[in-house]
Amino acid sequence: MDAPVVAQLVTAGAAVVALGAAVWQLRSTRRQAREAATHAYIARLTEAEFTKHLARSMDALRLGEHPTEHEIEVRWRRFARLKHEQQIEIAAPFNMFESVAGLYNRNLVTRGIIEHQLENTAIVVFQRIEWWVTASRTRNRGYFREWELMLGWFAERRLRAAWHTSRP
């Protein structure tokens, strides 16, 4: 091989290495940004004030262990008669879960961190307010769909993990 060909190969090789390094740097930067955003959301959802607000909202929507359709209807009518400001105050912490779920479903946060930090809380809170979510969907069918989808991803991941650990 003559010198110009070798020079071209070396230049092409250097360009490929530089491109690989740039791709690696870009992916690393995105991962770090996603992790930082995830930790910021986790921090917000675990602050004392947010936790107290969540507890007040859950208490405001509390129903008995096995509510009847009549009890749900009465409770929904009571909620619907509240001033809009009060309704928004009750819904605010749940909307935060919905926001995080939307980011989770689009892979814009680090899923493993969300699963580790929020999975149990997200499941329990949704189960306790599910009657309210269902009633709210009479006004907006898409209400809390992101949260519900995230819970489906959690369940699928748990099933896959159980299947893998049960194999010989």
Protein backbone atom coordinates (compact mmCIF):
# COMPACT_ATOMS: atom_id res chain seq x y z
CA MET A 1 0.00 0.00 0.00
CA ASP A 2 1.19 3.42 -0.77
CA ALA A 3 1.29 6.32 1.70
CA PRO A 4 -1.86 8.18 0.50
CA VAL A 5 -4.02 5.06 0.98
CA VAL A 6 -2.56 4.45 4.43
CA ALA A 7 -3.18 8.10 5.32
CA GLN A 8 -6.80 7.82 4.18
CA LEU A 9 -7.31 4.64 6.21
CA VAL A 10 -5.78 6.24 9.31
CA THR A 11 -7.94 9.34 8.82
CA ALA A 12 -11.07 7.22 8.32
CA GLY A 13 -10.20 5.16 11.39
CA ALA A 14 -9.68 8.28 13.47
CA ALA A 15 -13.01 9.64 12.26
CA VAL A 16 -14.80 6.41 13.25
CA VAL A 17 -13.18 6.48 16.68
CA ALA A 18 -14.14 10.16 17.11
CA LEU A 19 -17.70 9.41 16.04
CA GLY A 20 -17.89 6.50 18.49
CA ALA A 21 -16.58 8.71 21.28
CA ALA A 22 -19.13 11.42 20.43
CA VAL A 23 -21.98 8.89 20.46
CA TRP A 24 -20.76 7.50 23.78
CA GLN A 25 -20.51 11.02 25.23
CA LEU A 26 -24.00 11.90 24.01
CA ARG A 27 -25.52 8.74 25.48
CA SER A 28 -23.66 9.28 28.73
CA THR A 29 -24.88 12.88 28.97
CA ARG A 30 -28.47 11.83 28.25
CA ARG A 31 -28.29 9.09 30.86
CA GLN A 32 -26.94 11.51 33.46
CA ALA A 33 -29.65 14.07 32.64
CA ARG A 34 -32.34 11.38 32.84
CA GLU A 35 -31.00 10.19 36.19
CA ALA A 36 -30.84 13.75 37.54
CA ALA A 37 -34.44 14.40 36.46
CA THR A 38 -35.53 11.10 38.00
CA HIS A 39 -33.91 11.92 41.32
CA ALA A 40 -35.52 15.37 41.27
CA TYR A 41 -38.98 13.80 40.82
CA ILE A 42 -38.28 11.25 43.54
CA ALA A 43 -37.14 14.03 45.86
CA ARG A 44 -40.35 15.97 45.17
CA LEU A 45 -42.55 12.93 45.78
CA THR A 46 -40.84 12.11 49.06
CA GLU A 47 -40.78 15.62 50.57
CA ALA A 48 -42.61 15.88 53.87
CA GLU A 49 -45.02 18.53 52.58
CA PHE A 50 -45.92 16.47 49.51
CA THR A 51 -46.40 13.35 51.63
CA LYS A 52 -48.72 15.24 53.99
CA HIS A 53 -50.66 16.62 51.03
CA LEU A 54 -50.96 13.12 49.57
CA ALA A 55 -52.24 11.79 52.90
CA ARG A 56 -54.84 14.58 53.14
CA SER A 57 -56.00 13.89 49.59
CA MET A 58 -56.26 10.16 50.22
CA ASP A 59 -58.20 10.83 53.43
CA ALA A 60 -60.56 13.13 51.50
CA LEU A 61 -61.34 10.27 49.10
CA ARG A 62 -61.36 7.46 51.64
CA LEU A 63 -64.07 4.85 51.36
CA GLY A 64 -64.62 1.66 53.35
CA GLU A 65 -62.98 -1.65 52.54
CA HIS A 66 -65.68 -2.87 50.14
CA PRO A 67 -67.82 0.14 49.20
CA THR A 68 -71.17 -0.38 47.54
CA GLU A 69 -72.12 1.35 44.30
CA HIS A 70 -74.40 3.59 46.33
CA GLU A 71 -71.58 4.64 48.68
CA ILE A 72 -69.36 5.40 45.69
CA GLU A 73 -72.10 7.47 44.04
CA VAL A 74 -72.77 9.43 47.24
CA ARG A 75 -69.06 10.07 47.75
CA TRP A 76 -68.61 11.12 44.11
CA ARG A 77 -71.51 13.58 44.36
CA ARG A 78 -69.97 15.04 47.53
CA PHE A 79 -66.65 15.50 45.71
CA ALA A 80 -68.36 17.00 42.65
CA ARG A 81 -70.08 19.62 44.85
CA LEU A 82 -66.76 20.90 46.20
CA LYS A 83 -65.41 24.18 44.89
CA HIS A 84 -63.01 23.73 41.97
CA GLU A 85 -60.14 24.94 44.12
CA GLN A 86 -60.85 22.18 46.64
CA GLN A 87 -61.14 19.58 43.88
CA ILE A 88 -57.79 20.65 42.45
CA GLU A 89 -56.24 20.61 45.92
CA ILE A 90 -57.34 17.00 46.36
CA ALA A 91 -56.24 15.95 42.85
CA ALA A 92 -52.83 17.69 42.85
CA PRO A 93 -50.72 14.89 44.37
CA PHE A 94 -52.36 12.33 42.11
CA ASN A 95 -51.59 14.53 39.11
CA MET A 96 -47.93 14.47 40.16
CA PHE A 97 -47.99 10.66 40.00
CA GLU A 98 -49.62 10.92 36.58
CA SER A 99 -46.84 13.26 35.39
CA VAL A 100 -44.11 10.91 36.56
CA ALA A 101 -45.96 7.99 34.97
CA GLY A 102 -46.07 9.80 31.63
CA LEU A 103 -42.31 10.33 31.79
CA TYR A 104 -41.79 6.70 32.84
CA ASN A 105 -43.93 5.37 29.99
CA ARG A 106 -41.92 7.40 27.45
CA ASN A 107 -38.60 6.33 28.99
CA LEU A 108 -37.73 9.93 29.88
CA VAL A 109 -36.76 9.00 33.44
CA THR A 110 -34.65 6.13 34.70
CA ARG A 111 -37.17 3.32 35.01
CA GLY A 112 -35.18 1.23 37.48
CA ILE A 113 -35.00 4.13 39.93
CA ILE A 114 -38.73 4.83 39.61
CA GLU A 115 -39.53 1.15 40.09
CA HIS A 116 -37.30 0.88 43.15
CA GLN A 117 -38.39 4.13 44.78
CA LEU A 118 -42.06 4.55 43.83
CA GLU A 119 -43.56 1.24 42.71
CA ASN A 120 -45.21 0.20 45.98
CA THR A 121 -46.48 3.69 46.76
CA ALA A 122 -47.85 4.16 43.24
CA ILE A 123 -49.70 0.84 43.45
CA VAL A 124 -51.18 1.42 46.90
CA VAL A 125 -52.26 4.99 46.21
CA PHE A 126 -53.89 4.03 42.90
CA GLN A 127 -55.74 1.11 44.52
CA ARG A 128 -57.11 3.38 47.26
CA ILE A 129 -58.38 6.03 44.86
CA GLU A 130 -59.40 3.75 42.00
CA TRP A 131 -63.11 4.37 42.65
CA TRP A 132 -62.47 8.11 42.24
CA VAL A 133 -60.40 7.59 39.08
CA THR A 134 -63.18 5.48 37.59
CA ALA A 135 -65.80 8.10 38.49
CA SER A 136 -63.58 10.87 37.11
CA ARG A 137 -63.39 9.08 33.78
CA THR A 138 -67.05 9.87 33.20
CA ARG A 139 -65.79 13.39 32.48
CA ASN A 140 -62.50 12.49 30.81
CA ARG A 141 -61.86 8.94 29.60
CA GLY A 142 -58.09 9.48 29.58
CA TYR A 143 -57.89 10.54 33.20
CA PHE A 144 -54.90 8.83 34.89
CA ARG A 145 -54.28 6.48 31.95
CA GLU A 146 -50.52 7.12 32.14
CA TRP A 147 -50.48 6.04 35.78
CA GLU A 148 -52.51 2.93 34.98
CA LEU A 149 -50.18 2.09 32.09
CA MET A 150 -47.15 2.47 34.37
CA LEU A 151 -48.76 0.07 36.85
CA GLY A 152 -49.16 -2.38 33.97
CA TRP A 153 -45.44 -2.08 33.19
CA PHE A 154 -44.69 -2.73 36.86
CA ALA A 155 -46.85 -5.86 36.85
CA GLU A 156 -45.28 -7.12 33.62
CA ARG A 157 -41.79 -6.60 35.03
CA ARG A 158 -42.69 -8.48 38.23
CA LEU A 159 -44.13 -11.37 36.19
CA ARG A 160 -41.00 -11.57 34.04
CA ALA A 161 -38.79 -11.49 37.14
CA ALA A 162 -40.86 -14.23 38.77
CA TRP A 163 -40.67 -16.35 35.64
CA HIS A 164 -36.91 -15.96 35.36
CA THR A 165 -36.31 -16.79 39.00
CA SER A 166 -38.61 -19.82 38.88
CA ARG A 167 -36.73 -21.47 36.03
CA PRO A 168 -34.29 -24.28 36.91
